[in-house]
Amino acid sequence: MSRISQSDNGSSPWERLLGHTPTILERWIALENAFFSSDTFSPELREQVRRALAFGNGCEYCMAKAGGPDEKLPDPRISLAVGFAQLFVSDHREIDEGIFSVLKTEFSDKEIAELFAYMSFICASQMFGASLDLKPRETYESPGT
């Protein structure tokens, strides 16, 4: 089990950890909803980026959701975003002008800003889970549910 108990607030094991602080959980979910309701990126791009970050952050809960990013990504924007996410999670300080030049071949400044914000949010979520030793969802579910 995780390092702290599950609260009664939240609809997932991750949320029930943050649920010890209901006001923060409420606002966290609102920000998450803002990212997922944005039409800037496809759900597939967001999911592939989330998967890449999960393995970089070592969040067992997040890694178990769907595994790593797909090996073959026919969409060049998704492929670039996943490669960038892997670099971002390994050492965001290594992102230089050359990398931005490549990003700008496929993404506008607005898209780059949202991609950075999304990756930062997902990394924070995954670091929270990994730091509290959050296990895969099925660890917390009782049999028959």
N, C-alpha and C. Protein backbone atom coordinates (compact mmCIF):
# COMPACT_ATOMS: atom_id res chain seq x y z
N MET A 1 0.83 -1.19 0.00
CA MET A 1 0.00 0.00 0.00
C MET A 1 0.87 1.25 0.00
N SER A 2 0.25 2.37 -0.18
CA SER A 2 0.99 3.63 -0.24
C SER A 2 1.48 4.04 1.16
N ARG A 3 2.32 5.06 1.17
CA ARG A 3 2.96 5.50 2.42
C ARG A 3 2.02 6.21 3.38
N ILE A 4 0.91 6.74 2.85
CA ILE A 4 -0.11 7.35 3.71
C ILE A 4 -1.44 6.68 3.39
N SER A 5 -2.37 6.81 4.29
CA SER A 5 -3.68 6.18 4.11
C SER A 5 -4.48 6.86 3.00
N GLN A 6 -5.43 6.13 2.48
CA GLN A 6 -6.38 6.69 1.52
C GLN A 6 -7.43 7.48 2.29
N SER A 7 -7.73 8.68 1.84
CA SER A 7 -8.80 9.46 2.47
C SER A 7 -10.14 9.00 1.92
N ASP A 8 -11.21 9.60 2.39
CA ASP A 8 -12.54 9.30 1.87
C ASP A 8 -12.90 10.20 0.69
N ASN A 9 -12.03 11.13 0.33
CA ASN A 9 -12.30 12.08 -0.75
C ASN A 9 -11.58 11.64 -2.02
N GLY A 10 -12.30 11.64 -3.13
CA GLY A 10 -11.70 11.31 -4.41
C GLY A 10 -12.29 10.03 -5.00
N SER A 11 -12.15 9.90 -6.31
CA SER A 11 -12.75 8.75 -6.99
C SER A 11 -11.71 7.73 -7.47
N SER A 12 -10.45 7.98 -7.21
CA SER A 12 -9.39 7.03 -7.59
C SER A 12 -8.39 6.95 -6.44
N PRO A 13 -7.57 5.92 -6.43
CA PRO A 13 -6.55 5.85 -5.37
C PRO A 13 -5.65 7.10 -5.33
N TRP A 14 -5.29 7.62 -6.51
CA TRP A 14 -4.46 8.83 -6.55
C TRP A 14 -5.21 9.99 -5.90
N GLU A 15 -6.47 10.19 -6.30
CA GLU A 15 -7.26 11.29 -5.74
C GLU A 15 -7.47 11.12 -4.25
N ARG A 16 -7.62 9.89 -3.78
CA ARG A 16 -7.83 9.69 -2.35
C ARG A 16 -6.60 10.01 -1.52
N LEU A 17 -5.42 9.98 -2.13
CA LEU A 17 -4.22 10.44 -1.41
C LEU A 17 -4.26 11.96 -1.29
N LEU A 18 -4.50 12.64 -2.40
CA LEU A 18 -4.58 14.10 -2.37
C LEU A 18 -5.84 14.55 -1.65
N GLY A 19 -6.80 13.65 -1.52
CA GLY A 19 -8.07 13.95 -0.86
C GLY A 19 -7.93 14.33 0.61
N HIS A 20 -6.77 14.11 1.18
CA HIS A 20 -6.54 14.59 2.56
C HIS A 20 -6.60 16.12 2.59
N THR A 21 -6.43 16.74 1.44
CA THR A 21 -6.52 18.20 1.31
C THR A 21 -7.61 18.50 0.27
N PRO A 22 -8.87 18.46 0.67
CA PRO A 22 -9.98 18.55 -0.29
C PRO A 22 -9.97 19.79 -1.18
N THR A 23 -9.57 20.92 -0.66
CA THR A 23 -9.56 22.13 -1.48
C THR A 23 -8.53 22.02 -2.59
N ILE A 24 -7.37 21.48 -2.27
CA ILE A 24 -6.34 21.30 -3.30
C ILE A 24 -6.78 20.26 -4.31
N LEU A 25 -7.37 19.17 -3.83
CA LEU A 25 -7.87 18.14 -4.74
C LEU A 25 -8.89 18.73 -5.71
N GLU A 26 -9.80 19.52 -5.22
CA GLU A 26 -10.82 20.13 -6.08
C GLU A 26 -10.19 20.97 -7.18
N ARG A 27 -9.21 21.77 -6.81
CA ARG A 27 -8.57 22.64 -7.81
C ARG A 27 -7.67 21.84 -8.75
N TRP A 28 -7.05 20.79 -8.23
CA TRP A 28 -6.21 19.93 -9.07
C TRP A 28 -7.07 19.28 -10.16
N ILE A 29 -8.21 18.78 -9.76
CA ILE A 29 -9.13 18.15 -10.72
C ILE A 29 -9.61 19.17 -11.74
N ALA A 30 -9.86 20.40 -11.31
CA ALA A 30 -10.30 21.44 -12.24
C ALA A 30 -9.22 21.72 -13.27
N LEU A 31 -7.96 21.76 -12.85
CA LEU A 31 -6.87 21.98 -13.80
C LEU A 31 -6.73 20.78 -14.73
N GLU A 32 -6.83 19.59 -14.18
CA GLU A 32 -6.77 18.39 -15.02
C GLU A 32 -7.88 18.43 -16.08
N ASN A 33 -9.09 18.79 -15.67
CA ASN A 33 -10.20 18.89 -16.61
C ASN A 33 -9.94 19.94 -17.69
N ALA A 34 -9.28 21.03 -17.32
CA ALA A 34 -8.94 22.06 -18.30
C ALA A 34 -8.01 21.49 -19.38
N PHE A 35 -7.02 20.72 -18.96
CA PHE A 35 -6.12 20.11 -19.94
C PHE A 35 -6.87 19.13 -20.84
N PHE A 36 -7.69 18.27 -20.23
CA PHE A 36 -8.35 17.23 -21.01
C PHE A 36 -9.51 17.75 -21.85
N SER A 37 -10.02 18.92 -21.55
CA SER A 37 -11.08 19.49 -22.38
C SER A 37 -10.53 20.44 -23.45
N SER A 38 -9.25 20.74 -23.39
CA SER A 38 -8.63 21.59 -24.40
C SER A 38 -8.61 20.86 -25.74
N ASP A 39 -8.87 21.60 -26.80
CA ASP A 39 -8.82 20.98 -28.13
C ASP A 39 -7.49 21.24 -28.83
N THR A 40 -6.49 21.73 -28.09
CA THR A 40 -5.18 21.99 -28.68
C THR A 40 -4.52 20.70 -29.17
N PHE A 41 -4.61 19.65 -28.36
CA PHE A 41 -3.99 18.37 -28.70
C PHE A 41 -5.02 17.26 -28.70
N SER A 42 -4.75 16.26 -29.49
CA SER A 42 -5.64 15.10 -29.53
C SER A 42 -5.49 14.30 -28.23
N PRO A 43 -6.54 13.58 -27.87
CA PRO A 43 -6.43 12.69 -26.71
C PRO A 43 -5.27 11.69 -26.87
N GLU A 44 -5.02 11.24 -28.09
CA GLU A 44 -3.93 10.29 -28.31
C GLU A 44 -2.57 10.92 -28.01
N LEU A 45 -2.35 12.16 -28.43
CA LEU A 45 -1.08 12.83 -28.12
C LEU A 45 -0.92 12.97 -26.61
N ARG A 46 -1.96 13.43 -25.94
CA ARG A 46 -1.86 13.59 -24.48
C ARG A 46 -1.56 12.25 -23.80
N GLU A 47 -2.22 11.19 -24.23
CA GLU A 47 -2.03 9.89 -23.60
C GLU A 47 -0.62 9.34 -23.86
N GLN A 48 -0.13 9.49 -25.06
CA GLN A 48 1.22 9.00 -25.36
C GLN A 48 2.27 9.77 -24.55
N VAL A 49 2.08 11.06 -24.41
CA VAL A 49 2.98 11.89 -23.59
C VAL A 49 2.89 11.46 -22.13
N ARG A 50 1.66 11.25 -21.64
CA ARG A 50 1.47 10.82 -20.24
C ARG A 50 2.21 9.51 -19.99
N ARG A 51 2.10 8.58 -20.92
CA ARG A 51 2.78 7.29 -20.76
C ARG A 51 4.30 7.46 -20.72
N ALA A 52 4.83 8.27 -21.60
CA ALA A 52 6.28 8.50 -21.61
C ALA A 52 6.74 9.10 -20.29
N LEU A 53 6.00 10.05 -19.78
CA LEU A 53 6.37 10.70 -18.53
C LEU A 53 6.27 9.73 -17.35
N ALA A 54 5.27 8.84 -17.36
CA ALA A 54 5.08 7.89 -16.26
C ALA A 54 6.33 7.05 -16.04
N PHE A 55 6.92 6.59 -17.12
CA PHE A 55 8.10 5.74 -16.98
C PHE A 55 9.32 6.56 -16.56
N GLY A 56 9.40 7.80 -16.99
CA GLY A 56 10.48 8.66 -16.56
C GLY A 56 10.38 9.04 -15.09
N ASN A 57 9.14 9.19 -14.61
CA ASN A 57 8.92 9.56 -13.22
C ASN A 57 8.84 8.37 -12.28
N GLY A 58 8.71 7.18 -12.83
CA GLY A 58 8.68 5.97 -12.01
C GLY A 58 7.42 5.81 -11.17
N CYS A 59 6.29 6.29 -11.69
CA CYS A 59 5.03 6.15 -10.96
C CYS A 59 4.38 4.81 -11.35
N GLU A 60 4.41 3.86 -10.41
CA GLU A 60 3.85 2.53 -10.68
C GLU A 60 2.37 2.60 -11.07
N TYR A 61 1.62 3.43 -10.37
CA TYR A 61 0.20 3.60 -10.65
C TYR A 61 -0.01 4.06 -12.09
N CYS A 62 0.77 5.03 -12.52
CA CYS A 62 0.62 5.60 -13.86
C CYS A 62 1.17 4.67 -14.94
N MET A 63 2.24 3.96 -14.64
CA MET A 63 2.81 3.02 -15.61
C MET A 63 1.85 1.87 -15.87
N ALA A 64 1.14 1.44 -14.84
CA ALA A 64 0.24 0.29 -14.97
C ALA A 64 -1.02 0.61 -15.77
N LYS A 65 -1.36 1.89 -15.90
CA LYS A 65 -2.59 2.26 -16.60
C LYS A 65 -2.62 1.75 -18.04
N ALA A 66 -1.52 1.88 -18.76
CA ALA A 66 -1.54 1.50 -20.18
C ALA A 66 -0.16 1.12 -20.70
N GLY A 67 0.84 1.04 -19.84
CA GLY A 67 2.18 0.72 -20.31
C GLY A 67 2.87 1.95 -20.88
N GLY A 68 3.98 1.71 -21.56
CA GLY A 68 4.75 2.79 -22.14
C GLY A 68 4.12 3.32 -23.41
N PRO A 69 4.73 4.36 -23.97
CA PRO A 69 4.19 4.90 -25.22
C PRO A 69 4.31 3.86 -26.33
N ASP A 70 3.43 3.94 -27.30
CA ASP A 70 3.49 3.02 -28.43
C ASP A 70 4.83 3.15 -29.12
N GLU A 71 5.35 2.03 -29.60
CA GLU A 71 6.66 2.06 -30.27
C GLU A 71 6.59 2.71 -31.64
N LYS A 72 5.49 2.50 -32.34
CA LYS A 72 5.32 3.10 -33.67
C LYS A 72 4.23 4.14 -33.60
N LEU A 73 4.63 5.36 -33.85
CA LEU A 73 3.68 6.48 -33.83
C LEU A 73 3.70 7.12 -35.22
N PRO A 74 2.70 6.82 -36.05
CA PRO A 74 2.73 7.32 -37.43
C PRO A 74 2.57 8.83 -37.55
N ASP A 75 1.97 9.47 -36.56
CA ASP A 75 1.77 10.91 -36.59
C ASP A 75 3.05 11.60 -36.13
N PRO A 76 3.68 12.41 -36.99
CA PRO A 76 4.95 13.05 -36.60
C PRO A 76 4.82 13.99 -35.39
N ARG A 77 3.68 14.61 -35.22
CA ARG A 77 3.49 15.49 -34.06
C ARG A 77 3.49 14.69 -32.76
N ILE A 78 2.83 13.54 -32.78
CA ILE A 78 2.79 12.70 -31.58
C ILE A 78 4.17 12.14 -31.30
N SER A 79 4.83 11.69 -32.35
CA SER A 79 6.18 11.15 -32.19
C SER A 79 7.14 12.19 -31.61
N LEU A 80 7.07 13.41 -32.12
CA LEU A 80 7.92 14.49 -31.61
C LEU A 80 7.56 14.83 -30.17
N ALA A 81 6.28 14.89 -29.86
CA ALA A 81 5.85 15.21 -28.49
C ALA A 81 6.32 14.14 -27.51
N VAL A 82 6.26 12.87 -27.89
CA VAL A 82 6.71 11.78 -27.02
C VAL A 82 8.22 11.87 -26.82
N GLY A 83 8.97 12.08 -27.89
CA GLY A 83 10.42 12.23 -27.76
C GLY A 83 10.78 13.40 -26.87
N PHE A 84 10.06 14.49 -27.04
CA PHE A 84 10.29 15.66 -26.22
C PHE A 84 9.94 15.38 -24.76
N ALA A 85 8.84 14.66 -24.53
CA ALA A 85 8.45 14.31 -23.15
C ALA A 85 9.53 13.47 -22.48
N GLN A 86 10.12 12.55 -23.23
CA GLN A 86 11.18 11.72 -22.67
C GLN A 86 12.40 12.57 -22.29
N LEU A 87 12.72 13.54 -23.12
CA LEU A 87 13.82 14.45 -22.79
C LEU A 87 13.45 15.33 -21.59
N PHE A 88 12.26 15.84 -21.59
CA PHE A 88 11.76 16.71 -20.52
C PHE A 88 11.85 16.01 -19.17
N VAL A 89 11.42 14.76 -19.11
CA VAL A 89 11.39 14.04 -17.85
C VAL A 89 12.79 13.58 -17.43
N SER A 90 13.68 13.36 -18.39
CA SER A 90 15.03 12.92 -18.01
C SER A 90 15.86 14.08 -17.48
N ASP A 91 15.74 15.26 -18.09
CA ASP A 91 16.44 16.45 -17.58
C ASP A 91 15.97 17.67 -18.34
N HIS A 92 14.96 18.33 -17.81
CA HIS A 92 14.39 19.51 -18.48
C HIS A 92 15.42 20.62 -18.68
N ARG A 93 16.52 20.60 -17.95
CA ARG A 93 17.54 21.64 -18.09
C ARG A 93 18.37 21.47 -19.35
N GLU A 94 18.24 20.33 -20.00
CA GLU A 94 18.98 20.06 -21.23
C GLU A 94 18.25 20.54 -22.48
N ILE A 95 17.09 21.13 -22.32
CA ILE A 95 16.33 21.61 -23.46
C ILE A 95 16.94 22.93 -23.91
N ASP A 96 17.49 22.91 -25.11
CA ASP A 96 18.19 24.09 -25.61
C ASP A 96 17.51 24.65 -26.86
N GLU A 97 18.12 25.66 -27.44
CA GLU A 97 17.54 26.33 -28.61
C GLU A 97 17.38 25.38 -29.79
N GLY A 98 18.30 24.45 -29.94
CA GLY A 98 18.18 23.48 -31.03
C GLY A 98 16.92 22.64 -30.90
N ILE A 99 16.61 22.26 -29.70
CA ILE A 99 15.40 21.46 -29.47
C ILE A 99 14.16 22.31 -29.74
N PHE A 100 14.21 23.58 -29.34
CA PHE A 100 13.08 24.46 -29.63
C PHE A 100 12.91 24.65 -31.13
N SER A 101 14.00 24.70 -31.85
CA SER A 101 13.91 24.83 -33.31
C SER A 101 13.17 23.65 -33.91
N VAL A 102 13.46 22.46 -33.42
CA VAL A 102 12.77 21.27 -33.90
C VAL A 102 11.30 21.32 -33.50
N LEU A 103 11.01 21.67 -32.26
CA LEU A 103 9.62 21.76 -31.80
C LEU A 103 8.82 22.73 -32.67
N LYS A 104 9.45 23.84 -33.03
CA LYS A 104 8.75 24.87 -33.79
C LYS A 104 8.47 24.46 -35.23
N THR A 105 9.06 23.34 -35.69
CA THR A 105 8.72 22.85 -37.03
C THR A 105 7.33 22.24 -37.04
N GLU A 106 6.84 21.79 -35.90
CA GLU A 106 5.54 21.12 -35.82
C GLU A 106 4.53 21.83 -34.93
N PHE A 107 5.01 22.66 -33.99
CA PHE A 107 4.12 23.25 -32.99
C PHE A 107 4.26 24.77 -32.96
N SER A 108 3.12 25.44 -32.75
CA SER A 108 3.12 26.89 -32.58
C SER A 108 3.58 27.23 -31.16
N ASP A 109 3.83 28.51 -30.91
CA ASP A 109 4.20 28.93 -29.56
C ASP A 109 3.11 28.59 -28.56
N LYS A 110 1.84 28.78 -28.95
CA LYS A 110 0.72 28.44 -28.07
C LYS A 110 0.74 26.96 -27.74
N GLU A 111 0.98 26.12 -28.74
CA GLU A 111 1.02 24.68 -28.51
C GLU A 111 2.20 24.29 -27.63
N ILE A 112 3.34 24.91 -27.85
CA ILE A 112 4.52 24.61 -27.02
C ILE A 112 4.25 25.00 -25.57
N ALA A 113 3.64 26.16 -25.36
CA ALA A 113 3.32 26.58 -23.99
C ALA A 113 2.38 25.59 -23.33
N GLU A 114 1.36 25.14 -24.06
CA GLU A 114 0.42 24.20 -23.46
C GLU A 114 1.07 22.84 -23.24
N LEU A 115 1.93 22.41 -24.16
CA LEU A 115 2.63 21.14 -24.00
C LEU A 115 3.51 21.18 -22.75
N PHE A 116 4.25 22.27 -22.55
CA PHE A 116 5.08 22.42 -21.35
C PHE A 116 4.22 22.40 -20.09
N ALA A 117 3.10 23.12 -20.12
CA ALA A 117 2.22 23.17 -18.95
C ALA A 117 1.65 21.78 -18.68
N TYR A 118 1.22 21.09 -19.71
CA TYR A 118 0.66 19.75 -19.54
C TYR A 118 1.71 18.79 -18.98
N MET A 119 2.90 18.82 -19.54
CA MET A 119 3.95 17.92 -19.05
C MET A 119 4.32 18.25 -17.60
N SER A 120 4.38 19.51 -17.26
CA SER A 120 4.69 19.89 -15.88
C SER A 120 3.61 19.41 -14.93
N PHE A 121 2.36 19.56 -15.32
CA PHE A 121 1.24 19.10 -14.49
C PHE A 121 1.28 17.57 -14.32
N ILE A 122 1.48 16.86 -15.41
CA ILE A 122 1.52 15.40 -15.35
C ILE A 122 2.72 14.94 -14.52
N CYS A 123 3.86 15.58 -14.70
CA CYS A 123 5.04 15.22 -13.89
C CYS A 123 4.76 15.43 -12.41
N ALA A 124 4.15 16.54 -12.07
CA ALA A 124 3.83 16.80 -10.66
C ALA A 124 2.90 15.72 -10.13
N SER A 125 1.89 15.36 -10.90
CA SER A 125 0.95 14.31 -10.48
C SER A 125 1.67 12.98 -10.28
N GLN A 126 2.54 12.65 -11.23
CA GLN A 126 3.24 11.37 -11.15
C GLN A 126 4.29 11.37 -10.04
N MET A 127 4.95 12.47 -9.82
CA MET A 127 5.91 12.55 -8.72
C MET A 127 5.20 12.41 -7.38
N PHE A 128 4.03 13.01 -7.27
CA PHE A 128 3.21 12.87 -6.06
C PHE A 128 2.91 11.40 -5.81
N GLY A 129 2.42 10.71 -6.83
CA GLY A 129 2.11 9.29 -6.70
C GLY A 129 3.33 8.44 -6.40
N ALA A 130 4.41 8.68 -7.13
CA ALA A 130 5.63 7.89 -6.93
C ALA A 130 6.22 8.13 -5.54
N SER A 131 6.23 9.37 -5.09
CA SER A 131 6.80 9.70 -3.78
C SER A 131 6.02 9.06 -2.64
N LEU A 132 4.70 8.93 -2.84
CA LEU A 132 3.87 8.31 -1.81
C LEU A 132 3.71 6.81 -2.04
N ASP A 133 4.49 6.27 -2.98
CA ASP A 133 4.52 4.83 -3.27
C ASP A 133 3.15 4.30 -3.66
N LEU A 134 2.45 5.06 -4.50
CA LEU A 134 1.15 4.65 -4.98
C LEU A 134 1.30 3.46 -5.91
N LYS A 135 0.57 2.43 -5.64
CA LYS A 135 0.63 1.18 -6.41
C LYS A 135 -0.46 1.19 -7.49
N PRO A 136 -0.42 0.23 -8.40
CA PRO A 136 -1.47 0.15 -9.42
C PRO A 136 -2.87 0.07 -8.80
N ARG A 137 -3.84 0.60 -9.52
CA ARG A 137 -5.22 0.73 -9.04
C ARG A 137 -5.77 -0.56 -8.44
N GLU A 138 -5.51 -1.69 -9.08
CA GLU A 138 -6.09 -2.95 -8.59
C GLU A 138 -5.62 -3.32 -7.18
N THR A 139 -4.51 -2.76 -6.75
CA THR A 139 -4.01 -2.99 -5.39
C THR A 139 -5.00 -2.48 -4.35
N TYR A 140 -5.75 -1.44 -4.70
CA TYR A 140 -6.64 -0.77 -3.77
C TYR A 140 -8.08 -1.21 -3.89
N GLU A 141 -8.39 -1.98 -4.92
CA GLU A 141 -9.77 -2.40 -5.14
C GLU A 141 -10.04 -3.73 -4.45
N SER A 142 -11.17 -3.82 -3.85
CA SER A 142 -11.53 -5.08 -3.19
C SER A 142 -12.08 -6.03 -4.24
N PRO A 143 -11.90 -7.34 -4.05
CA PRO A 143 -12.40 -8.34 -5.00
C PRO A 143 -13.90 -8.18 -5.22
N GLY A 144 -14.31 -8.37 -6.45
CA GLY A 144 -15.72 -8.31 -6.77
C GLY A 144 -16.22 -6.92 -7.10
N THR A 145 -15.32 -5.90 -7.13
CA THR A 145 -15.77 -4.54 -7.49
C THR A 145 -15.33 -4.18 -8.86
